[in-house]
């Protein structure tokens, strides 16, 4: 979560539970059964924020620099290799 906050330069919120798949199913059921009139209401009633991770300014600056100076140049340079991989493996079609 800290890495996500640092990369995007935004706070990242962890849900109050680790069992988010089960919670999503419970929210679906609650709306389906009419316990909540819609998903927005159900989500508001049934979830809450756990820990909030604030971006580290130094780490965020590092990731922004890497993105600008390295990662944006990577795809055009790797594109010919991606094409060769597709020719050799047939994937992706």
PDB file of N, CA and C in Angstrom:
ATOM      1  N   UNK A   1       0.823  -1.183   0.000  1.00  0.00           N
ATOM      2  CA  UNK A   1       0.000   0.000   0.000  1.00  0.00           C
ATOM      3  C   UNK A   1       0.873   1.255   0.000  1.00  0.00           C
ATOM      4  N   UNK A   2       1.980   1.197   0.718  1.00  0.00           N
ATOM      5  CA  UNK A   2       2.868   2.357   0.733  1.00  0.00           C
ATOM      6  C   UNK A   2       3.439   2.601  -0.658  1.00  0.00           C
ATOM      7  N   UNK A   3       3.800   1.540  -1.343  1.00  0.00           N
ATOM      8  CA  UNK A   3       4.324   1.658  -2.699  1.00  0.00           C
ATOM      9  C   UNK A   3       3.292   2.304  -3.625  1.00  0.00           C
ATOM     10  N   UNK A   4       2.045   1.902  -3.515  1.00  0.00           N
ATOM     11  CA  UNK A   4       0.976   2.490  -4.328  1.00  0.00           C
ATOM     12  C   UNK A   4       0.846   3.983  -4.051  1.00  0.00           C
ATOM     13  N   UNK A   5       0.857   4.350  -2.782  1.00  0.00           N
ATOM     14  CA  UNK A   5       0.765   5.766  -2.407  1.00  0.00           C
ATOM     15  C   UNK A   5       1.950   6.543  -2.975  1.00  0.00           C
ATOM     16  N   UNK A   6       3.131   5.976  -2.885  1.00  0.00           N
ATOM     17  CA  UNK A   6       4.329   6.654  -3.367  1.00  0.00           C
ATOM     18  C   UNK A   6       4.331   6.804  -4.886  1.00  0.00           C
ATOM     19  N   UNK A   7       3.950   5.764  -5.602  1.00  0.00           N
ATOM     20  CA  UNK A   7       3.967   5.803  -7.066  1.00  0.00           C
ATOM     21  C   UNK A   7       2.977   6.822  -7.601  1.00  0.00           C
ATOM     22  N   UNK A   8       1.765   6.822  -7.060  1.00  0.00           N
ATOM     23  CA  UNK A   8       0.731   7.721  -7.571  1.00  0.00           C
ATOM     24  C   UNK A   8       0.717   9.085  -6.884  1.00  0.00           C
ATOM     25  N   UNK A   9       1.471   9.233  -5.798  1.00  0.00           N
ATOM     26  CA  UNK A   9       1.519  10.505  -5.094  1.00  0.00           C
ATOM     27  C   UNK A   9       0.200  10.855  -4.427  1.00  0.00           C
ATOM     28  N   UNK A  10      -0.560   9.827  -4.061  1.00  0.00           N
ATOM     29  CA  UNK A  10      -1.873  10.015  -3.440  1.00  0.00           C
ATOM     30  C   UNK A  10      -2.012   9.103  -2.234  1.00  0.00           C
ATOM     31  N   UNK A  11      -2.837   9.473  -1.270  1.00  0.00           N
ATOM     32  CA  UNK A  11      -3.089   8.553  -0.158  1.00  0.00           C
ATOM     33  C   UNK A  11      -3.722   7.257  -0.672  1.00  0.00           C
ATOM     34  N   UNK A  12      -3.329   6.150  -0.108  1.00  0.00           N
ATOM     35  CA  UNK A  12      -3.903   4.843  -0.447  1.00  0.00           C
ATOM     36  C   UNK A  12      -4.575   4.301   0.811  1.00  0.00           C
ATOM     37  N   UNK A  13      -5.834   3.938   0.683  1.00  0.00           N
ATOM     38  CA  UNK A  13      -6.605   3.468   1.833  1.00  0.00           C
ATOM     39  C   UNK A  13      -6.743   1.958   1.791  1.00  0.00           C
ATOM     40  N   UNK A  14      -6.447   1.327   2.920  1.00  0.00           N
ATOM     41  CA  UNK A  14      -6.640  -0.113   3.047  1.00  0.00           C
ATOM     42  C   UNK A  14      -8.041  -0.334   3.605  1.00  0.00           C
ATOM     43  N   UNK A  15      -8.792  -1.277   3.051  1.00  0.00           N
ATOM     44  CA  UNK A  15     -10.109  -1.563   3.622  1.00  0.00           C
ATOM     45  C   UNK A  15      -9.992  -2.079   5.054  1.00  0.00           C
ATOM     46  N   UNK A  16     -11.088  -2.019   5.766  1.00  0.00           N
ATOM     47  CA  UNK A  16     -11.090  -2.447   7.166  1.00  0.00           C
ATOM     48  C   UNK A  16     -10.986  -3.958   7.309  1.00  0.00           C
ATOM     49  N   UNK A  17     -11.171  -4.711   6.227  1.00  0.00           N
ATOM     50  CA  UNK A  17     -11.111  -6.166   6.286  1.00  0.00           C
ATOM     51  C   UNK A  17     -10.223  -6.691   5.168  1.00  0.00           C
ATOM     52  N   UNK A  18      -9.618  -7.838   5.409  1.00  0.00           N
ATOM     53  CA  UNK A  18      -8.830  -8.487   4.365  1.00  0.00           C
ATOM     54  C   UNK A  18      -9.721  -9.361   3.482  1.00  0.00           C
ATOM     55  N   UNK A  19     -10.906  -9.680   3.964  1.00  0.00           N
ATOM     56  CA  UNK A  19     -11.822 -10.563   3.239  1.00  0.00           C
ATOM     57  C   UNK A  19     -12.726  -9.755   2.325  1.00  0.00           C
ATOM     58  N   UNK A  20     -12.114  -9.068   1.368  1.00  0.00           N
ATOM     59  CA  UNK A  20     -12.876  -8.166   0.507  1.00  0.00           C
ATOM     60  C   UNK A  20     -13.757  -8.906  -0.495  1.00  0.00           C
ATOM     61  N   UNK A  21     -13.375 -10.108  -0.909  1.00  0.00           N
ATOM     62  CA  UNK A  21     -14.226 -10.868  -1.828  1.00  0.00           C
ATOM     63  C   UNK A  21     -15.540 -11.236  -1.150  1.00  0.00           C
ATOM     64  N   UNK A  22     -15.450 -11.708   0.075  1.00  0.00           N
ATOM     65  CA  UNK A  22     -16.652 -12.045   0.834  1.00  0.00           C
ATOM     66  C   UNK A  22     -17.499 -10.812   1.108  1.00  0.00           C
ATOM     67  N   UNK A  23     -16.845  -9.699   1.401  1.00  0.00           N
ATOM     68  CA  UNK A  23     -17.573  -8.452   1.644  1.00  0.00           C
ATOM     69  C   UNK A  23     -18.295  -8.012   0.376  1.00  0.00           C
ATOM     70  N   UNK A  24     -17.647  -8.105  -0.765  1.00  0.00           N
ATOM     71  CA  UNK A  24     -18.299  -7.762  -2.027  1.00  0.00           C
ATOM     72  C   UNK A  24     -19.523  -8.623  -2.286  1.00  0.00           C
ATOM     73  N   UNK A  25     -19.408  -9.922  -2.000  1.00  0.00           N
ATOM     74  CA  UNK A  25     -20.555 -10.818  -2.168  1.00  0.00           C
ATOM     75  C   UNK A  25     -21.677 -10.441  -1.207  1.00  0.00           C
ATOM     76  N   UNK A  26     -21.322 -10.063   0.017  1.00  0.00           N
ATOM     77  CA  UNK A  26     -22.330  -9.653   0.994  1.00  0.00           C
ATOM     78  C   UNK A  26     -23.030  -8.368   0.555  1.00  0.00           C
ATOM     79  N   UNK A  27     -22.276  -7.446  -0.019  1.00  0.00           N
ATOM     80  CA  UNK A  27     -22.863  -6.205  -0.532  1.00  0.00           C
ATOM     81  C   UNK A  27     -23.829  -6.520  -1.671  1.00  0.00           C
ATOM     82  N   UNK A  28     -23.411  -7.396  -2.592  1.00  0.00           N
ATOM     83  CA  UNK A  28     -24.307  -7.811  -3.679  1.00  0.00           C
ATOM     84  C   UNK A  28     -25.593  -8.415  -3.122  1.00  0.00           C
ATOM     85  N   UNK A  29     -25.452  -9.299  -2.141  1.00  0.00           N
ATOM     86  CA  UNK A  29     -26.627  -9.951  -1.550  1.00  0.00           C
ATOM     87  C   UNK A  29     -27.524  -8.938  -0.852  1.00  0.00           C
ATOM     88  N   UNK A  30     -26.932  -8.001  -0.134  1.00  0.00           N
ATOM     89  CA  UNK A  30     -27.725  -7.003   0.588  1.00  0.00           C
ATOM     90  C   UNK A  30     -28.552  -6.152  -0.371  1.00  0.00           C
ATOM     91  N   UNK A  31     -27.953  -5.785  -1.501  1.00  0.00           N
ATOM     92  CA  UNK A  31     -28.705  -5.004  -2.496  1.00  0.00           C
ATOM     93  C   UNK A  31     -29.762  -5.893  -3.149  1.00  0.00           C
ATOM     94  N   UNK A  32     -29.389  -7.114  -3.488  1.00  0.00           N
ATOM     95  CA  UNK A  32     -30.326  -8.047  -4.118  1.00  0.00           C
ATOM     96  C   UNK A  32     -31.524  -8.368  -3.247  1.00  0.00           C
ATOM     97  N   UNK A  33     -31.317  -8.444  -1.952  1.00  0.00           N
ATOM     98  CA  UNK A  33     -32.404  -8.739  -1.012  1.00  0.00           C
ATOM     99  C   UNK A  33     -33.190  -7.500  -0.615  1.00  0.00           C
ATOM    100  N   UNK A  34     -32.742  -6.349  -1.081  1.00  0.00           N
ATOM    101  CA  UNK A  34     -33.452  -5.113  -0.742  1.00  0.00           C
ATOM    102  C   UNK A  34     -33.100  -4.555   0.620  1.00  0.00           C
ATOM    103  N   UNK A  35     -32.048  -5.062   1.253  1.00  0.00           N
ATOM    104  CA  UNK A  35     -31.624  -4.529   2.549  1.00  0.00           C
ATOM    105  C   UNK A  35     -31.051  -3.122   2.399  1.00  0.00           C
ATOM    106  N   UNK A  36     -30.513  -2.842   1.218  1.00  0.00           N
ATOM    107  CA  UNK A  36     -30.033  -1.505   0.852  1.00  0.00           C
ATOM    108  C   UNK A  36     -30.593  -1.194  -0.528  1.00  0.00           C
ATOM    109  N   UNK A  37     -30.987   0.045  -0.774  1.00  0.00           N
ATOM    110  CA  UNK A  37     -31.635   0.367  -2.050  1.00  0.00           C
ATOM    111  C   UNK A  37     -30.708   0.357  -3.260  1.00  0.00           C
ATOM    112  N   UNK A  38     -29.408   0.543  -3.029  1.00  0.00           N
ATOM    113  CA  UNK A  38     -28.465   0.577  -4.153  1.00  0.00           C
ATOM    114  C   UNK A  38     -27.064   0.284  -3.637  1.00  0.00           C
ATOM    115  N   UNK A  39     -26.129   0.133  -4.575  1.00  0.00           N
ATOM    116  CA  UNK A  39     -24.766  -0.236  -4.190  1.00  0.00           C
ATOM    117  C   UNK A  39     -24.051   0.879  -3.426  1.00  0.00           C
ATOM    118  N   UNK A  40     -24.265   2.116  -3.811  1.00  0.00           N
ATOM    119  CA  UNK A  40     -23.611   3.213  -3.086  1.00  0.00           C
ATOM    120  C   UNK A  40     -23.998   3.207  -1.615  1.00  0.00           C
ATOM    121  N   UNK A  41     -25.286   3.021  -1.346  1.00  0.00           N
ATOM    122  CA  UNK A  41     -25.766   2.986   0.042  1.00  0.00           C
ATOM    123  C   UNK A  41     -25.188   1.777   0.780  1.00  0.00           C
ATOM    124  N   UNK A  42     -25.187   0.627   0.118  1.00  0.00           N
ATOM    125  CA  UNK A  42     -24.661  -0.589   0.743  1.00  0.00           C
ATOM    126  C   UNK A  42     -23.179  -0.456   1.055  1.00  0.00           C
ATOM    127  N   UNK A  43     -22.418   0.058   0.117  1.00  0.00           N
ATOM    128  CA  UNK A  43     -20.977   0.230   0.328  1.00  0.00           C
ATOM    129  C   UNK A  43     -20.727   1.189   1.492  1.00  0.00           C
ATOM    130  N   UNK A  44     -21.455   2.284   1.519  1.00  0.00           N
ATOM    131  CA  UNK A  44     -21.290   3.263   2.600  1.00  0.00           C
ATOM    132  C   UNK A  44     -21.601   2.632   3.957  1.00  0.00           C
ATOM    133  N   UNK A  45     -22.645   1.823   4.007  1.00  0.00           N
ATOM    134  CA  UNK A  45     -23.071   1.218   5.274  1.00  0.00           C
ATOM    135  C   UNK A  45     -22.197   0.043   5.697  1.00  0.00           C
ATOM    136  N   UNK A  46     -21.636  -0.659   4.733  1.00  0.00           N
ATOM    137  CA  UNK A  46     -20.994  -1.934   5.048  1.00  0.00           C
ATOM    138  C   UNK A  46     -19.469  -1.904   5.018  1.00  0.00           C
ATOM    139  N   UNK A  47     -18.876  -0.793   4.642  1.00  0.00           N
ATOM    140  CA  UNK A  47     -17.412  -0.726   4.586  1.00  0.00           C
ATOM    141  C   UNK A  47     -16.901   0.477   5.357  1.00  0.00           C
ATOM    142  N   UNK A  48     -15.658   0.419   5.680  1.00  0.00           N
ATOM    143  CA  UNK A  48     -14.981   1.562   6.289  1.00  0.00           C
ATOM    144  C   UNK A  48     -13.492   1.449   5.971  1.00  0.00           C
ATOM    145  N   UNK A  49     -12.832   2.570   6.082  1.00  0.00           N
ATOM    146  CA  UNK A  49     -11.406   2.617   5.801  1.00  0.00           C
ATOM    147  C   UNK A  49     -10.619   2.085   6.983  1.00  0.00           C
ATOM    148  N   UNK A  50      -9.614   1.287   6.668  1.00  0.00           N
ATOM    149  CA  UNK A  50      -8.681   0.831   7.693  1.00  0.00           C
ATOM    150  C   UNK A  50      -7.535   1.827   7.769  1.00  0.00           C
ATOM    151  N   UNK A  51      -6.355   1.364   7.517  1.00  0.00           N
ATOM    152  CA  UNK A  51      -5.181   2.235   7.560  1.00  0.00           C
ATOM    153  C   UNK A  51      -5.057   3.054   6.275  1.00  0.00           C
ATOM    154  N   UNK A  52      -4.620   4.297   6.409  1.00  0.00           N
ATOM    155  CA  UNK A  52      -4.361   5.169   5.265  1.00  0.00           C
ATOM    156  C   UNK A  52      -2.847   5.357   5.144  1.00  0.00           C
ATOM    157  N   UNK A  53      -2.332   5.154   3.952  1.00  0.00           N
ATOM    158  CA  UNK A  53      -0.910   5.307   3.685  1.00  0.00           C
ATOM    159  C   UNK A  53      -0.713   6.614   2.925  1.00  0.00           C
ATOM    160  N   UNK A  54       0.021   7.530   3.500  1.00  0.00           N
ATOM    161  CA  UNK A  54       0.314   8.812   2.861  1.00  0.00           C
ATOM    162  C   UNK A  54       1.579   8.677   2.020  1.00  0.00           C
ATOM    163  N   UNK A  55       1.617   9.334   0.859  1.00  0.00           N
ATOM    164  CA  UNK A  55       2.822   9.233   0.027  1.00  0.00           C
ATOM    165  C   UNK A  55       4.033   9.873   0.701  1.00  0.00           C
ATOM    166  N   UNK A  56       5.157   9.235   0.529  1.00  0.00           N
ATOM    167  CA  UNK A  56       6.429   9.778   0.985  1.00  0.00           C
ATOM    168  C   UNK A  56       6.935  10.684  -0.135  1.00  0.00           C
ATOM    169  N   UNK A  57       7.078  11.984   0.104  1.00  0.00           N
ATOM    170  CA  UNK A  57       7.448  12.916  -0.967  1.00  0.00           C
ATOM    171  C   UNK A  57       8.743  12.553  -1.689  1.00  0.00           C
ATOM    172  N   UNK A  58       9.737  12.080  -0.955  1.00  0.00           N
ATOM    173  CA  UNK A  58      11.010  11.722  -1.594  1.00  0.00           C
ATOM    174  C   UNK A  58      10.834  10.511  -2.511  1.00  0.00           C
ATOM    175  N   UNK A  59      10.106   9.505  -2.034  1.00  0.00           N
ATOM    176  CA  UNK A  59       9.869   8.311  -2.857  1.00  0.00           C
ATOM    177  C   UNK A  59       9.010   8.667  -4.066  1.00  0.00           C
ATOM    178  N   UNK A  60       7.997   9.509  -3.871  1.00  0.00           N
ATOM    179  CA  UNK A  60       7.142   9.922  -4.987  1.00  0.00           C
ATOM    180  C   UNK A  60       7.956  10.645  -6.057  1.00  0.00           C
ATOM    181  N   UNK A  61       8.845  11.519  -5.640  1.00  0.00           N
ATOM    182  CA  UNK A  61       9.686  12.242  -6.591  1.00  0.00           C
ATOM    183  C   UNK A  61      10.574  11.270  -7.369  1.00  0.00           C
ATOM    184  N   UNK A  62      11.114  10.272  -6.684  1.00  0.00           N
ATOM    185  CA  UNK A  62      11.943   9.260  -7.343  1.00  0.00           C
ATOM    186  C   UNK A  62      11.136   8.502  -8.387  1.00  0.00           C
ATOM    187  N   UNK A  63       9.933   8.045  -8.035  1.00  0.00           N
ATOM    188  CA  UNK A  63       9.105   7.301  -8.982  1.00  0.00           C
ATOM    189  C   UNK A  63       8.685   8.165 -10.166  1.00  0.00           C
ATOM    190  N   UNK A  64       8.391   9.433  -9.931  1.00  0.00           N
ATOM    191  CA  UNK A  64       8.034  10.330 -11.027  1.00  0.00           C
ATOM    192  C   UNK A  64       9.214  10.519 -11.981  1.00  0.00           C
ATOM    193  N   UNK A  65      10.384  10.647 -11.430  1.00  0.00           N
ATOM    194  CA  UNK A  65      11.571  10.792 -12.277  1.00  0.00           C
ATOM    195  C   UNK A  65      11.825   9.519 -13.083  1.00  0.00           C
ATOM    196  N   UNK A  66      11.713   8.361 -12.442  1.00  0.00           N
ATOM    197  CA  UNK A  66      11.866   7.094 -13.168  1.00  0.00           C
ATOM    198  C   UNK A  66      10.851   6.986 -14.296  1.00  0.00           C
ATOM    199  N   UNK A  67       9.617   7.374 -14.026  1.00  0.00           N
ATOM    200  CA  UNK A  67       8.581   7.306 -15.058  1.00  0.00           C
ATOM    201  C   UNK A  67       8.927   8.200 -16.246  1.00  0.00           C
ATOM    202  N   UNK A  68       9.276   9.438 -15.945  1.00  0.00           N
ATOM    203  CA  UNK A  68       9.585  10.406 -17.019  1.00  0.00           C
ATOM    204  C   UNK A  68      10.843  10.033 -17.798  1.00  0.00           C
ATOM    205  N   UNK A  69      11.897   9.672 -17.079  1.00  0.00           N
ATOM    206  CA  UNK A  69      13.200   9.509 -17.717  1.00  0.00           C
ATOM    207  C   UNK A  69      13.500   8.087 -18.189  1.00  0.00           C
ATOM    208  N   UNK A  70      12.751   7.093 -17.701  1.00  0.00           N
ATOM    209  CA  UNK A  70      13.052   5.703 -18.065  1.00  0.00           C
ATOM    210  C   UNK A  70      11.833   4.996 -18.657  1.00  0.00           C
ATOM    211  N   UNK A  71      10.777   4.868 -17.859  1.00  0.00           N
ATOM    212  CA  UNK A  71       9.663   4.016 -18.262  1.00  0.00           C
ATOM    213  C   UNK A  71       8.948   4.497 -19.516  1.00  0.00           C
ATOM    214  N   UNK A  72       8.833   5.808 -19.730  1.00  0.00           N
ATOM    215  CA  UNK A  72       8.169   6.291 -20.939  1.00  0.00           C
ATOM    216  C   UNK A  72       8.952   5.937 -22.198  1.00  0.00           C
ATOM    217  N   UNK A  73      10.244   5.756 -22.069  1.00  0.00           N
ATOM    218  CA  UNK A  73      11.071   5.379 -23.219  1.00  0.00           C
ATOM    219  C   UNK A  73      11.147   3.865 -23.436  1.00  0.00           C
ATOM    220  N   UNK A  74      10.726   3.092 -22.444  1.00  0.00           N
ATOM    221  CA  UNK A  74      10.905   1.648 -22.539  1.00  0.00           C
ATOM    222  C   UNK A  74      10.032   0.994 -23.608  1.00  0.00           C
ATOM    223  N   UNK A  75       8.747   1.330 -23.658  1.00  0.00           N
ATOM    224  CA  UNK A  75       7.857   0.621 -24.582  1.00  0.00           C
ATOM    225  C   UNK A  75       8.297   0.767 -26.035  1.00  0.00           C
ATOM    226  N   UNK A  76       8.569   1.984 -26.509  1.00  0.00           N
ATOM    227  CA  UNK A  76       9.003   2.075 -27.913  1.00  0.00           C
ATOM    228  C   UNK A  76      10.255   1.246 -28.200  1.00  0.00           C
ATOM    229  N   UNK A  77      11.141   1.147 -27.244  1.00  0.00           N
ATOM    230  CA  UNK A  77      12.368   0.372 -27.443  1.00  0.00           C
ATOM    231  C   UNK A  77      12.108  -1.132 -27.387  1.00  0.00           C
ATOM    232  N   UNK A  78      11.126  -1.527 -26.565  1.00  0.00           N
ATOM    233  CA  UNK A  78      10.824  -2.949 -26.422  1.00  0.00           C
ATOM    234  C   UNK A  78       9.823  -3.448 -27.459  1.00  0.00           C
ATOM    235  N   UNK A  79       9.100  -2.564 -28.111  1.00  0.00           N
ATOM    236  CA  UNK A  79       8.054  -2.966 -29.048  1.00  0.00           C
ATOM    237  C   UNK A  79       8.549  -3.948 -30.111  1.00  0.00           C
ATOM    238  N   UNK A  80       9.711  -3.738 -30.728  1.00  0.00           N
ATOM    239  CA  UNK A  80      10.182  -4.736 -31.711  1.00  0.00           C
ATOM    240  C   UNK A  80      10.399  -6.120 -31.084  1.00  0.00           C
ATOM    241  N   UNK A  81      10.856  -6.146 -29.840  1.00  0.00           N
ATOM    242  CA  UNK A  81      11.052  -7.433 -29.164  1.00  0.00           C
ATOM    243  C   UNK A  81       9.710  -8.093 -28.853  1.00  0.00           C
ATOM    244  N   UNK A  82       8.706  -7.292 -28.485  1.00  0.00           N
ATOM    245  CA  UNK A  82       7.370  -7.843 -28.250  1.00  0.00           C
ATOM    246  C   UNK A  82       6.836  -8.491 -29.522  1.00  0.00           C
ATOM    247  N   UNK A  83       7.089  -7.863 -30.666  1.00  0.00           N
ATOM    248  CA  UNK A  83       6.645  -8.420 -31.949  1.00  0.00           C
ATOM    249  C   UNK A  83       7.341  -9.747 -32.236  1.00  0.00           C
ATOM    250  N   UNK A  84       8.635  -9.824 -31.936  1.00  0.00           N
ATOM    251  CA  UNK A  84       9.374 -11.080 -32.139  1.00  0.00           C
ATOM    252  C   UNK A  84       8.833 -12.176 -31.222  1.00  0.00           C
ATOM    253  N   UNK A  85       8.525 -11.817 -29.973  1.00  0.00           N
ATOM    254  CA  UNK A  85       7.947 -12.799 -29.048  1.00  0.00           C
ATOM    255  C   UNK A  85       6.644 -13.334 -29.619  1.00  0.00           C
ATOM    256  N   UNK A  86       5.808 -12.436 -30.164  1.00  0.00           N
ATOM    257  CA  UNK A  86       4.536 -12.865 -30.746  1.00  0.00           C
ATOM    258  C   UNK A  86       4.776 -13.764 -31.959  1.00  0.00           C
ATOM    259  N   UNK A  87       5.757 -13.421 -32.798  1.00  0.00           N
ATOM    260  CA  UNK A  87       6.067 -14.255 -33.959  1.00  0.00           C
ATOM    261  C   UNK A  87       6.502 -15.647 -33.533  1.00  0.00           C
ATOM    262  N   UNK A  88       7.310 -15.729 -32.489  1.00  0.00           N
ATOM    263  CA  UNK A  88       7.848 -17.016 -32.032  1.00  0.00           C
ATOM    264  C   UNK A  88       6.787 -17.838 -31.308  1.00  0.00           C
ATOM    265  N   UNK A  89       6.006 -17.198 -30.435  1.00  0.00           N
ATOM    266  CA  UNK A  89       5.076 -17.948 -29.580  1.00  0.00           C
ATOM    267  C   UNK A  89       3.643 -17.950 -30.074  1.00  0.00           C
ATOM    268  N   UNK A  90       3.304 -16.975 -30.915  1.00  0.00           N
ATOM    269  CA  UNK A  90       1.915 -16.864 -31.338  1.00  0.00           C
ATOM    270  C   UNK A  90       1.043 -16.168 -30.311  1.00  0.00           C
ATOM    271  N   UNK A  91       1.668 -15.660 -29.269  1.00  0.00           N
ATOM    272  CA  UNK A  91       0.908 -14.989 -28.210  1.00  0.00           C
ATOM    273  C   UNK A  91       1.431 -13.576 -28.012  1.00  0.00           C
ATOM    274  N   UNK A  92       0.632 -12.605 -27.819  1.00  0.00           N
ATOM    275  CA  UNK A  92      -0.831 -12.654 -27.956  1.00  0.00           C
ATOM    276  C   UNK A  92      -1.214 -12.609 -29.427  1.00  0.00           C
ATOM    277  N   UNK A  93      -2.376 -13.099 -29.723  1.00  0.00           N
ATOM    278  CA  UNK A  93      -2.830 -13.158 -31.121  1.00  0.00           C
ATOM    279  C   UNK A  93      -3.246 -11.820 -31.624  1.00  0.00           C
TER     280      UNK A  93
END
